[in-house]
N, C-alpha and C. Protein backbone atom coordinates (compact mmCIF):
# COMPACT_ATOMS: atom_id res chain seq x y z
N THR A 1 -120.19 -50.75 174.80
CA THR A 1 -120.33 -51.79 173.79
C THR A 1 -119.62 -53.05 174.26
N LEU A 2 -119.86 -54.11 173.53
CA LEU A 2 -119.25 -55.40 173.86
C LEU A 2 -117.73 -55.33 173.74
N ASN A 3 -117.25 -54.64 172.71
CA ASN A 3 -115.81 -54.49 172.51
C ASN A 3 -115.17 -53.80 173.71
N PHE A 4 -115.82 -52.75 174.21
CA PHE A 4 -115.32 -52.00 175.36
C PHE A 4 -115.25 -52.89 176.60
N LEU A 5 -116.30 -53.66 176.84
CA LEU A 5 -116.34 -54.55 178.01
C LEU A 5 -115.28 -55.64 177.93
N ALA A 6 -115.12 -56.22 176.75
CA ALA A 6 -114.13 -57.28 176.58
C ALA A 6 -112.71 -56.76 176.81
N SER A 7 -112.42 -55.57 176.29
CA SER A 7 -111.07 -55.02 176.47
C SER A 7 -110.79 -54.69 177.93
N HIS A 8 -111.80 -54.17 178.63
CA HIS A 8 -111.59 -53.84 180.05
C HIS A 8 -111.46 -55.09 180.90
N ALA A 9 -112.20 -56.13 180.58
CA ALA A 9 -112.09 -57.38 181.33
C ALA A 9 -110.70 -58.00 181.14
N SER A 10 -110.17 -57.92 179.93
CA SER A 10 -108.84 -58.49 179.70
C SER A 10 -107.75 -57.65 180.35
N MET A 11 -107.95 -56.35 180.46
CA MET A 11 -106.95 -55.50 181.10
C MET A 11 -106.78 -55.87 182.57
N VAL A 12 -107.86 -56.22 183.22
CA VAL A 12 -107.79 -56.61 184.63
C VAL A 12 -106.92 -57.85 184.78
N GLU A 13 -107.02 -58.77 183.85
CA GLU A 13 -106.26 -60.02 183.93
C GLU A 13 -104.79 -59.82 183.58
N VAL A 14 -104.49 -58.91 182.67
CA VAL A 14 -103.14 -58.73 182.18
C VAL A 14 -102.30 -57.85 183.10
N ALA A 15 -102.89 -56.87 183.72
CA ALA A 15 -102.15 -55.90 184.53
C ALA A 15 -101.54 -56.55 185.76
N GLU A 16 -100.27 -56.28 185.96
CA GLU A 16 -99.61 -56.75 187.17
C GLU A 16 -99.95 -55.79 188.31
N PRO A 17 -99.97 -56.28 189.54
CA PRO A 17 -100.26 -55.40 190.66
C PRO A 17 -99.27 -54.22 190.72
N GLY A 18 -99.83 -53.03 190.83
CA GLY A 18 -99.01 -51.83 190.86
C GLY A 18 -98.83 -51.18 189.50
N TYR A 19 -99.19 -51.90 188.42
CA TYR A 19 -99.03 -51.37 187.06
C TYR A 19 -100.36 -51.27 186.33
N GLU A 20 -101.45 -51.25 187.07
CA GLU A 20 -102.77 -51.22 186.46
C GLU A 20 -102.98 -49.96 185.62
N ALA A 21 -102.60 -48.81 186.17
CA ALA A 21 -102.83 -47.54 185.47
C ALA A 21 -102.03 -47.45 184.18
N ILE A 22 -100.76 -47.83 184.22
CA ILE A 22 -99.93 -47.74 183.02
C ILE A 22 -100.38 -48.76 181.97
N THR A 23 -100.82 -49.94 182.42
CA THR A 23 -101.32 -50.94 181.48
C THR A 23 -102.59 -50.43 180.80
N TYR A 24 -103.48 -49.87 181.59
CA TYR A 24 -104.72 -49.33 181.04
C TYR A 24 -104.43 -48.20 180.06
N SER A 25 -103.51 -47.30 180.43
CA SER A 25 -103.21 -46.16 179.54
C SER A 25 -102.52 -46.61 178.26
N MET A 26 -101.66 -47.63 178.33
CA MET A 26 -101.01 -48.14 177.12
C MET A 26 -102.02 -48.76 176.16
N ILE A 27 -102.91 -49.58 176.70
CA ILE A 27 -103.91 -50.23 175.85
C ILE A 27 -104.87 -49.19 175.28
N THR A 28 -105.27 -48.22 176.09
CA THR A 28 -106.17 -47.17 175.62
C THR A 28 -105.51 -46.31 174.55
N THR A 29 -104.23 -45.98 174.73
CA THR A 29 -103.51 -45.19 173.73
C THR A 29 -103.40 -45.95 172.41
N ALA A 30 -103.07 -47.23 172.50
CA ALA A 30 -102.98 -48.03 171.28
C ALA A 30 -104.33 -48.09 170.57
N THR A 31 -105.39 -48.26 171.31
CA THR A 31 -106.74 -48.31 170.73
C THR A 31 -107.10 -46.97 170.10
N ASN A 32 -106.83 -45.89 170.80
CA ASN A 32 -107.16 -44.57 170.28
C ASN A 32 -106.28 -44.17 169.10
N ALA A 33 -105.07 -44.69 169.04
CA ALA A 33 -104.19 -44.38 167.91
C ALA A 33 -104.65 -45.09 166.64
N VAL A 34 -105.25 -46.25 166.80
CA VAL A 34 -105.66 -47.03 165.64
C VAL A 34 -106.96 -46.49 165.02
N SER A 35 -107.85 -45.93 165.82
CA SER A 35 -109.13 -45.44 165.29
C SER A 35 -108.95 -44.36 164.21
N PRO A 36 -108.20 -43.28 164.48
CA PRO A 36 -108.02 -42.30 163.40
C PRO A 36 -107.18 -42.85 162.25
N LEU A 37 -106.27 -43.78 162.57
CA LEU A 37 -105.46 -44.36 161.50
C LEU A 37 -106.34 -45.13 160.52
N SER A 38 -107.33 -45.85 161.02
CA SER A 38 -108.21 -46.59 160.10
C SER A 38 -109.01 -45.63 159.23
N ALA A 39 -109.40 -44.48 159.77
CA ALA A 39 -110.10 -43.49 158.95
C ALA A 39 -109.18 -42.91 157.88
N VAL A 40 -107.92 -42.65 158.24
CA VAL A 40 -106.95 -42.12 157.28
C VAL A 40 -106.69 -43.13 156.17
N ILE A 41 -106.52 -44.39 156.54
CA ILE A 41 -106.28 -45.43 155.52
C ILE A 41 -107.51 -45.58 154.63
N SER A 42 -108.70 -45.44 155.19
CA SER A 42 -109.92 -45.52 154.39
C SER A 42 -109.93 -44.44 153.32
N TYR A 43 -109.55 -43.24 153.71
CA TYR A 43 -109.49 -42.15 152.72
C TYR A 43 -108.41 -42.40 151.68
N GLN A 44 -107.30 -42.99 152.10
CA GLN A 44 -106.23 -43.28 151.14
C GLN A 44 -106.65 -44.37 150.17
N LEU A 45 -107.47 -45.30 150.60
CA LEU A 45 -107.99 -46.31 149.68
C LEU A 45 -108.88 -45.69 148.62
N LEU A 46 -109.55 -44.59 148.97
CA LEU A 46 -110.40 -43.92 147.99
C LEU A 46 -109.61 -43.34 146.82
N ALA A 47 -108.32 -43.15 146.98
CA ALA A 47 -107.49 -42.63 145.89
C ALA A 47 -107.49 -43.58 144.70
N PHE A 48 -107.76 -44.85 144.95
CA PHE A 48 -107.77 -45.84 143.87
C PHE A 48 -109.14 -45.99 143.24
N PHE A 49 -110.10 -45.26 143.76
CA PHE A 49 -111.47 -45.29 143.25
C PHE A 49 -111.93 -43.85 142.99
N PRO A 50 -111.46 -43.24 141.90
CA PRO A 50 -111.70 -41.82 141.67
C PRO A 50 -113.18 -41.46 141.55
N SER A 51 -114.02 -42.36 141.12
CA SER A 51 -115.44 -42.04 140.97
C SER A 51 -116.14 -41.88 142.31
N LEU A 52 -115.50 -42.36 143.38
CA LEU A 52 -116.11 -42.29 144.70
C LEU A 52 -115.58 -41.12 145.53
N ASN A 53 -114.76 -40.26 144.93
CA ASN A 53 -114.13 -39.18 145.68
C ASN A 53 -115.01 -37.96 145.88
N ASP A 54 -116.07 -37.80 145.12
CA ASP A 54 -116.94 -36.64 145.35
C ASP A 54 -118.41 -37.05 145.18
N GLN A 55 -119.26 -36.29 145.81
CA GLN A 55 -120.68 -36.61 145.84
C GLN A 55 -121.33 -36.51 144.46
N GLU A 56 -120.83 -35.60 143.62
CA GLU A 56 -121.43 -35.42 142.28
C GLU A 56 -121.28 -36.68 141.43
N SER A 57 -120.08 -37.28 141.48
CA SER A 57 -119.89 -38.49 140.66
C SER A 57 -120.67 -39.67 141.23
N ILE A 58 -120.81 -39.73 142.54
CA ILE A 58 -121.61 -40.80 143.15
C ILE A 58 -123.08 -40.64 142.76
N ALA A 59 -123.54 -39.39 142.70
CA ALA A 59 -124.95 -39.13 142.36
C ALA A 59 -125.28 -39.51 140.93
N THR A 60 -124.27 -39.58 140.05
CA THR A 60 -124.54 -39.95 138.66
C THR A 60 -124.97 -41.41 138.55
N ASP A 61 -124.50 -42.26 139.48
CA ASP A 61 -124.89 -43.67 139.54
C ASP A 61 -124.67 -44.40 138.22
N THR A 62 -123.49 -44.20 137.65
CA THR A 62 -123.15 -44.86 136.39
C THR A 62 -122.63 -46.28 136.69
N PRO A 63 -122.54 -47.12 135.67
CA PRO A 63 -121.98 -48.46 135.88
C PRO A 63 -120.55 -48.42 136.43
N GLN A 64 -119.78 -47.41 136.01
CA GLN A 64 -118.41 -47.26 136.52
C GLN A 64 -118.42 -47.00 138.03
N VAL A 65 -119.31 -46.13 138.50
CA VAL A 65 -119.42 -45.82 139.92
C VAL A 65 -119.86 -47.07 140.68
N ARG A 66 -120.82 -47.78 140.15
CA ARG A 66 -121.28 -49.01 140.80
C ARG A 66 -120.17 -50.06 140.88
N LYS A 67 -119.39 -50.18 139.80
CA LYS A 67 -118.30 -51.16 139.78
C LYS A 67 -117.24 -50.79 140.82
N GLU A 68 -116.88 -49.52 140.88
CA GLU A 68 -115.88 -49.09 141.86
C GLU A 68 -116.40 -49.26 143.28
N PHE A 69 -117.66 -48.95 143.51
CA PHE A 69 -118.23 -49.11 144.85
C PHE A 69 -118.24 -50.59 145.24
N ALA A 70 -118.63 -51.45 144.32
CA ALA A 70 -118.65 -52.89 144.62
C ALA A 70 -117.24 -53.41 144.90
N THR A 71 -116.26 -52.94 144.13
CA THR A 71 -114.88 -53.35 144.34
C THR A 71 -114.37 -52.88 145.70
N LEU A 72 -114.65 -51.62 146.03
CA LEU A 72 -114.24 -51.09 147.32
C LEU A 72 -114.92 -51.84 148.47
N HIS A 73 -116.20 -52.10 148.32
CA HIS A 73 -116.94 -52.83 149.35
C HIS A 73 -116.39 -54.24 149.52
N ALA A 74 -116.08 -54.92 148.43
CA ALA A 74 -115.50 -56.27 148.50
C ALA A 74 -114.13 -56.22 149.17
N LEU A 75 -113.33 -55.21 148.86
CA LEU A 75 -112.02 -55.07 149.47
C LEU A 75 -112.12 -54.86 150.98
N VAL A 76 -113.06 -54.03 151.39
CA VAL A 76 -113.26 -53.79 152.83
C VAL A 76 -113.72 -55.06 153.54
N ILE A 77 -114.60 -55.81 152.91
CA ILE A 77 -115.06 -57.07 153.51
C ILE A 77 -113.90 -58.05 153.64
N ILE A 78 -113.06 -58.15 152.61
CA ILE A 78 -111.91 -59.05 152.66
C ILE A 78 -110.94 -58.64 153.77
N LEU A 79 -110.68 -57.32 153.88
CA LEU A 79 -109.79 -56.84 154.94
C LEU A 79 -110.37 -57.13 156.32
N ASN A 80 -111.67 -56.92 156.48
CA ASN A 80 -112.31 -57.20 157.78
C ASN A 80 -112.25 -58.69 158.11
N LEU A 81 -112.54 -59.53 157.14
CA LEU A 81 -112.49 -60.98 157.39
C LEU A 81 -111.06 -61.45 157.66
N SER A 82 -110.09 -60.84 156.99
CA SER A 82 -108.71 -61.26 157.19
C SER A 82 -108.20 -60.88 158.58
N SER A 83 -108.88 -59.97 159.25
CA SER A 83 -108.48 -59.63 160.62
C SER A 83 -108.68 -60.83 161.55
N LEU A 84 -109.49 -61.79 161.15
CA LEU A 84 -109.67 -63.00 161.96
C LEU A 84 -108.39 -63.82 162.04
N LEU A 85 -107.46 -63.58 161.10
CA LEU A 85 -106.18 -64.29 161.15
C LEU A 85 -105.36 -63.90 162.37
N SER A 86 -105.70 -62.80 163.01
CA SER A 86 -104.95 -62.37 164.20
C SER A 86 -105.50 -63.02 165.48
N LEU A 87 -106.54 -63.80 165.40
CA LEU A 87 -107.10 -64.44 166.60
C LEU A 87 -106.09 -65.30 167.36
N PRO A 88 -105.15 -66.01 166.70
CA PRO A 88 -104.19 -66.79 167.47
C PRO A 88 -103.32 -65.96 168.41
N LEU A 89 -103.24 -64.66 168.21
CA LEU A 89 -102.45 -63.81 169.10
C LEU A 89 -103.13 -63.59 170.45
N LEU A 90 -104.43 -63.80 170.51
CA LEU A 90 -105.18 -63.53 171.73
C LEU A 90 -105.34 -64.79 172.57
N PRO A 91 -105.22 -64.64 173.89
CA PRO A 91 -105.53 -65.79 174.74
C PRO A 91 -107.03 -66.08 174.68
N ARG A 92 -107.38 -67.38 174.73
CA ARG A 92 -108.78 -67.75 174.54
C ARG A 92 -109.62 -67.55 175.79
N GLN A 93 -109.07 -67.82 176.93
CA GLN A 93 -109.84 -67.76 178.16
C GLN A 93 -109.03 -67.10 179.27
N LYS A 94 -109.68 -66.89 180.39
CA LYS A 94 -109.03 -66.27 181.54
C LYS A 94 -107.83 -67.10 182.01
N LYS A 95 -107.95 -68.43 181.94
CA LYS A 95 -106.87 -69.31 182.37
C LYS A 95 -105.61 -69.07 181.54
N GLU A 96 -105.75 -68.99 180.23
CA GLU A 96 -104.59 -68.76 179.37
C GLU A 96 -103.99 -67.38 179.61
N THR A 97 -104.83 -66.40 179.87
CA THR A 97 -104.34 -65.06 180.17
C THR A 97 -103.51 -65.07 181.44
N ARG A 98 -104.00 -65.74 182.47
CA ARG A 98 -103.26 -65.83 183.73
C ARG A 98 -101.96 -66.61 183.57
N GLU A 99 -101.96 -67.64 182.71
CA GLU A 99 -100.73 -68.39 182.45
C GLU A 99 -99.69 -67.49 181.78
N LEU A 100 -100.12 -66.65 180.84
CA LEU A 100 -99.19 -65.74 180.18
C LEU A 100 -98.59 -64.76 181.18
N VAL A 101 -99.40 -64.24 182.07
CA VAL A 101 -98.92 -63.29 183.07
C VAL A 101 -97.99 -64.01 184.06
N ALA A 102 -98.34 -65.24 184.43
CA ALA A 102 -97.54 -66.00 185.40
C ALA A 102 -96.15 -66.33 184.85
N LYS A 103 -96.03 -66.51 183.54
CA LYS A 103 -94.72 -66.79 182.95
C LYS A 103 -93.75 -65.64 183.21
N GLY A 104 -94.29 -64.44 183.25
CA GLY A 104 -93.45 -63.28 183.55
C GLY A 104 -92.47 -62.94 182.45
N GLU A 105 -92.74 -63.35 181.23
CA GLU A 105 -91.83 -63.05 180.12
C GLU A 105 -91.82 -61.56 179.84
N LYS A 106 -90.62 -61.05 179.60
CA LYS A 106 -90.47 -59.64 179.27
C LYS A 106 -89.60 -59.54 178.03
N SER A 107 -89.91 -58.58 177.18
CA SER A 107 -89.13 -58.39 175.97
C SER A 107 -88.96 -56.90 175.71
N THR A 108 -87.72 -56.46 175.73
CA THR A 108 -87.42 -55.06 175.43
C THR A 108 -87.78 -54.75 173.99
N PHE A 109 -87.46 -55.68 173.08
CA PHE A 109 -87.74 -55.45 171.66
C PHE A 109 -89.22 -55.26 171.41
N TRP A 110 -90.07 -56.18 171.91
CA TRP A 110 -91.50 -56.10 171.63
C TRP A 110 -92.14 -54.94 172.39
N GLY A 111 -91.60 -54.60 173.54
CA GLY A 111 -92.09 -53.41 174.24
C GLY A 111 -91.82 -52.15 173.43
N PHE A 112 -90.58 -52.03 172.93
CA PHE A 112 -90.23 -50.89 172.09
C PHE A 112 -91.06 -50.90 170.80
N TYR A 113 -91.25 -52.07 170.23
CA TYR A 113 -92.02 -52.20 169.00
C TYR A 113 -93.46 -51.70 169.19
N CYS A 114 -94.08 -52.11 170.28
CA CYS A 114 -95.47 -51.69 170.55
C CYS A 114 -95.56 -50.19 170.81
N ILE A 115 -94.66 -49.67 171.64
CA ILE A 115 -94.71 -48.24 171.96
C ILE A 115 -94.39 -47.40 170.74
N SER A 116 -93.36 -47.78 169.97
CA SER A 116 -93.02 -46.99 168.79
C SER A 116 -94.11 -47.10 167.72
N SER A 117 -94.76 -48.25 167.61
CA SER A 117 -95.86 -48.39 166.65
C SER A 117 -97.03 -47.48 167.02
N ALA A 118 -97.42 -47.51 168.29
CA ALA A 118 -98.52 -46.65 168.74
C ALA A 118 -98.17 -45.18 168.53
N PHE A 119 -96.95 -44.79 168.85
CA PHE A 119 -96.52 -43.40 168.68
C PHE A 119 -96.50 -43.01 167.20
N THR A 120 -95.96 -43.89 166.36
CA THR A 120 -95.89 -43.60 164.92
C THR A 120 -97.29 -43.47 164.33
N PHE A 121 -98.19 -44.39 164.66
CA PHE A 121 -99.55 -44.33 164.14
C PHE A 121 -100.27 -43.08 164.61
N LEU A 122 -100.07 -42.73 165.88
CA LEU A 122 -100.71 -41.54 166.43
C LEU A 122 -100.20 -40.27 165.73
N CYS A 123 -98.89 -40.17 165.55
CA CYS A 123 -98.30 -39.00 164.87
C CYS A 123 -98.75 -38.93 163.41
N TYR A 124 -98.72 -40.07 162.73
CA TYR A 124 -99.09 -40.09 161.32
C TYR A 124 -100.55 -39.69 161.12
N SER A 125 -101.44 -40.31 161.88
CA SER A 125 -102.86 -39.99 161.70
C SER A 125 -103.16 -38.56 162.12
N THR A 126 -102.48 -38.05 163.15
CA THR A 126 -102.67 -36.65 163.55
C THR A 126 -102.19 -35.71 162.46
N PHE A 127 -101.03 -36.00 161.89
CA PHE A 127 -100.49 -35.16 160.82
C PHE A 127 -101.41 -35.14 159.61
N VAL A 128 -101.82 -36.31 159.15
CA VAL A 128 -102.67 -36.38 157.96
C VAL A 128 -104.02 -35.69 158.22
N THR A 129 -104.59 -35.92 159.39
CA THR A 129 -105.86 -35.28 159.73
C THR A 129 -105.70 -33.76 159.78
N PHE A 130 -104.63 -33.28 160.41
CA PHE A 130 -104.39 -31.84 160.50
C PHE A 130 -104.22 -31.22 159.12
N VAL A 131 -103.40 -31.85 158.28
CA VAL A 131 -103.13 -31.30 156.95
C VAL A 131 -104.40 -31.29 156.10
N THR A 132 -105.17 -32.36 156.15
CA THR A 132 -106.37 -32.41 155.31
C THR A 132 -107.47 -31.48 155.81
N VAL A 133 -107.50 -31.19 157.09
CA VAL A 133 -108.53 -30.27 157.61
C VAL A 133 -108.07 -28.82 157.48
N LYS A 134 -106.87 -28.52 157.93
CA LYS A 134 -106.38 -27.14 157.95
C LYS A 134 -106.07 -26.63 156.54
N TYR A 135 -105.44 -27.46 155.72
CA TYR A 135 -105.01 -27.04 154.38
C TYR A 135 -105.75 -27.81 153.29
N HIS A 136 -107.03 -28.01 153.49
CA HIS A 136 -107.83 -28.80 152.55
C HIS A 136 -107.77 -28.22 151.13
N ASP A 137 -107.83 -26.90 151.01
CA ASP A 137 -107.81 -26.28 149.68
C ASP A 137 -106.51 -26.53 148.93
N VAL A 138 -105.41 -26.64 149.66
CA VAL A 138 -104.10 -26.80 149.02
C VAL A 138 -103.74 -28.27 148.84
N TYR A 139 -103.87 -29.05 149.93
CA TYR A 139 -103.38 -30.43 149.91
C TYR A 139 -104.47 -31.49 149.89
N GLY A 140 -105.71 -31.10 150.02
CA GLY A 140 -106.79 -32.07 150.09
C GLY A 140 -106.97 -32.90 148.84
N CYS A 141 -106.45 -32.42 147.72
CA CYS A 141 -106.61 -33.16 146.48
C CYS A 141 -105.54 -34.22 146.26
N LEU A 142 -104.48 -34.22 147.06
CA LEU A 142 -103.40 -35.19 146.88
C LEU A 142 -103.89 -36.62 147.11
N LYS A 143 -103.48 -37.51 146.23
CA LYS A 143 -103.92 -38.91 146.35
C LYS A 143 -103.39 -39.56 147.62
N ILE A 144 -102.20 -39.17 148.05
CA ILE A 144 -101.63 -39.77 149.25
C ILE A 144 -102.42 -39.39 150.50
N LEU A 145 -103.21 -38.30 150.40
CA LEU A 145 -104.06 -37.89 151.51
C LEU A 145 -105.52 -38.28 151.29
N GLY A 146 -105.78 -39.06 150.25
CA GLY A 146 -107.13 -39.57 150.01
C GLY A 146 -107.92 -38.78 148.99
N GLY A 147 -107.31 -37.78 148.37
CA GLY A 147 -108.00 -36.99 147.36
C GLY A 147 -108.01 -37.69 146.01
N GLY A 148 -108.66 -37.06 145.07
CA GLY A 148 -108.75 -37.62 143.73
C GLY A 148 -107.56 -37.32 142.85
N GLY A 149 -106.66 -36.48 143.33
CA GLY A 149 -105.48 -36.08 142.56
C GLY A 149 -105.56 -34.62 142.19
N CYS A 150 -104.47 -33.91 142.35
CA CYS A 150 -104.45 -32.47 142.04
C CYS A 150 -104.33 -32.22 140.55
N SER A 151 -103.84 -33.21 139.82
CA SER A 151 -103.74 -33.09 138.37
C SER A 151 -104.07 -34.45 137.75
N ALA A 152 -104.34 -34.43 136.46
CA ALA A 152 -104.74 -35.67 135.78
C ALA A 152 -103.62 -36.69 135.74
N ASP A 153 -102.37 -36.23 135.76
CA ASP A 153 -101.24 -37.15 135.66
C ASP A 153 -100.59 -37.47 137.01
N GLU A 154 -101.26 -37.13 138.12
CA GLU A 154 -100.70 -37.45 139.44
C GLU A 154 -100.68 -38.96 139.64
N SER A 155 -99.55 -39.45 140.07
CA SER A 155 -99.37 -40.89 140.24
C SER A 155 -100.02 -41.38 141.54
N SER A 156 -100.51 -42.59 141.49
CA SER A 156 -101.07 -43.23 142.68
C SER A 156 -100.02 -44.06 143.40
N ALA A 157 -98.78 -44.02 142.92
CA ALA A 157 -97.74 -44.88 143.46
C ALA A 157 -97.46 -44.62 144.93
N THR A 158 -97.41 -43.35 145.35
CA THR A 158 -97.11 -43.06 146.75
C THR A 158 -98.25 -43.53 147.66
N ALA A 159 -99.48 -43.31 147.24
CA ALA A 159 -100.62 -43.78 148.04
C ALA A 159 -100.63 -45.31 148.09
N MET A 160 -100.35 -45.94 146.96
CA MET A 160 -100.30 -47.41 146.92
C MET A 160 -99.18 -47.93 147.81
N ALA A 161 -98.01 -47.30 147.76
CA ALA A 161 -96.88 -47.72 148.59
C ALA A 161 -97.23 -47.60 150.06
N LEU A 162 -97.88 -46.51 150.43
CA LEU A 162 -98.25 -46.29 151.83
C LEU A 162 -99.24 -47.35 152.31
N VAL A 163 -100.23 -47.64 151.51
CA VAL A 163 -101.21 -48.67 151.88
C VAL A 163 -100.53 -50.03 151.98
N VAL A 164 -99.62 -50.34 151.05
CA VAL A 164 -98.90 -51.62 151.08
C VAL A 164 -98.03 -51.71 152.33
N ILE A 165 -97.35 -50.62 152.71
CA ILE A 165 -96.51 -50.62 153.91
C ILE A 165 -97.35 -50.88 155.15
N ILE A 166 -98.49 -50.22 155.25
CA ILE A 166 -99.35 -50.39 156.42
C ILE A 166 -99.90 -51.82 156.50
N LEU A 167 -100.34 -52.34 155.35
CA LEU A 167 -100.86 -53.72 155.35
C LEU A 167 -99.74 -54.72 155.62
N ALA A 168 -98.53 -54.47 155.08
CA ALA A 168 -97.40 -55.36 155.35
C ALA A 168 -97.04 -55.35 156.83
N TYR A 169 -97.13 -54.18 157.44
CA TYR A 169 -96.87 -54.09 158.89
C TYR A 169 -97.89 -54.94 159.66
N CYS A 170 -99.16 -54.74 159.36
CA CYS A 170 -100.22 -55.44 160.10
C CYS A 170 -100.14 -56.95 159.88
N TYR A 171 -100.08 -57.38 158.64
CA TYR A 171 -100.07 -58.80 158.36
C TYR A 171 -98.72 -59.43 158.66
N GLY A 172 -97.64 -58.67 158.48
CA GLY A 172 -96.30 -59.19 158.76
C GLY A 172 -96.09 -59.51 160.23
N THR A 173 -96.53 -58.61 161.09
CA THR A 173 -96.40 -58.84 162.53
C THR A 173 -97.20 -60.07 162.94
N ASN A 174 -98.41 -60.16 162.45
CA ASN A 174 -99.26 -61.31 162.76
C ASN A 174 -98.63 -62.60 162.25
N PHE A 175 -98.14 -62.58 161.02
CA PHE A 175 -97.53 -63.78 160.44
C PHE A 175 -96.31 -64.20 161.26
N TYR A 176 -95.48 -63.23 161.62
CA TYR A 176 -94.26 -63.54 162.37
C TYR A 176 -94.58 -64.18 163.73
N LEU A 177 -95.59 -63.66 164.41
CA LEU A 177 -95.90 -64.15 165.75
C LEU A 177 -96.79 -65.40 165.75
N SER A 178 -97.67 -65.53 164.77
CA SER A 178 -98.65 -66.63 164.80
C SER A 178 -98.30 -67.79 163.89
N PHE A 179 -97.88 -67.49 162.68
CA PHE A 179 -97.79 -68.55 161.67
C PHE A 179 -96.37 -68.97 161.32
N LEU A 180 -95.38 -68.11 161.52
CA LEU A 180 -94.00 -68.50 161.25
C LEU A 180 -93.54 -69.64 162.17
N PRO A 181 -93.88 -69.61 163.47
CA PRO A 181 -93.51 -70.77 164.31
C PRO A 181 -94.12 -72.08 163.82
N ILE A 182 -95.28 -72.03 163.21
CA ILE A 182 -95.90 -73.24 162.66
C ILE A 182 -95.11 -73.72 161.45
N LEU A 183 -94.71 -72.78 160.58
CA LEU A 183 -93.94 -73.15 159.40
C LEU A 183 -92.55 -73.68 159.77
N LYS A 184 -91.98 -73.17 160.86
CA LYS A 184 -90.68 -73.65 161.32
C LYS A 184 -90.77 -74.97 162.05
N GLY A 185 -91.98 -75.42 162.38
CA GLY A 185 -92.17 -76.66 163.10
C GLY A 185 -92.08 -76.52 164.61
N GLU A 186 -92.01 -75.29 165.12
CA GLU A 186 -91.92 -75.06 166.56
C GLU A 186 -93.28 -75.24 167.23
N GLN A 187 -94.35 -75.03 166.48
CA GLN A 187 -95.70 -75.22 166.99
C GLN A 187 -96.49 -76.01 165.95
N LYS A 188 -97.59 -76.58 166.40
CA LYS A 188 -98.46 -77.32 165.48
C LYS A 188 -99.69 -76.47 165.17
N PHE A 189 -100.12 -76.57 163.91
CA PHE A 189 -101.32 -75.86 163.51
C PHE A 189 -102.53 -76.59 164.06
N SER A 190 -103.50 -75.79 164.52
CA SER A 190 -104.76 -76.34 165.01
C SER A 190 -105.85 -75.33 164.74
N TRP A 191 -106.99 -75.80 164.33
CA TRP A 191 -108.12 -74.88 164.11
C TRP A 191 -108.60 -74.28 165.43
N GLN A 192 -108.18 -74.91 166.54
CA GLN A 192 -108.54 -74.38 167.86
C GLN A 192 -107.92 -73.01 168.11
N MET A 193 -106.87 -72.66 167.35
CA MET A 193 -106.25 -71.35 167.48
C MET A 193 -107.24 -70.24 167.20
N PHE A 194 -108.25 -70.52 166.39
CA PHE A 194 -109.18 -69.50 165.95
C PHE A 194 -110.48 -69.48 166.75
N ILE A 195 -110.58 -70.36 167.72
CA ILE A 195 -111.83 -70.45 168.51
C ILE A 195 -111.63 -69.82 169.86
C-alpha cells in the first residue's frame, strides 16, 4: 500500500549507516504496536454506545441505535481528521529529512519515551486482547474491555478514564512538540506546517 511504501522510503533517509536494521525494527515495532491498540480503543469506545454492543440490538434499527451509530461515526471522523494536527511533526521532503539526520541531535529522554511508549502499548493491547479472547465468558462484558457491562449499574468511569488518558497522551505529545513552541514564541505558526 501507499502507507507501506512511504514509511519504507522515509526509513532509508532516517537510518544512519550501520543502524539500518535497528531503525527498521524500531519503526516496525511501533507501527505493529499501534495497530492492535487502535482496535482495543475502538472496542472501549463501544462501551459508551450500549446499543451497538451486540448484533441483536443493531438489527432492531431503532432511532436510538441510529443516533448512537451516527454519534460514534461522527466521533471516529473527528478523531481521524484531528490526526492531521500531527503533520508538523513529519519532515515534508527528503531535504528536510536529511537536514534532521545531519544535525545529529540525540535525546535520551525522547528515546526512552518512544521505546517505553511502544512497549507499554504492545503490552496493554496484548493483555486486553488475551483477556477478551481467552476469558470472554468471564471478562468480556466489562466496559473497560469494550463490553456492554456485566451489570446494569456498572460504571463507565474506568473506560472513560482510559480513553481520556490515551487521547491525552496522543494529543499532549503532539501539542508539546508542535504547538507549544509556537505559543512560547520560539517558532512562528505557518499553514505550510501542514503541507
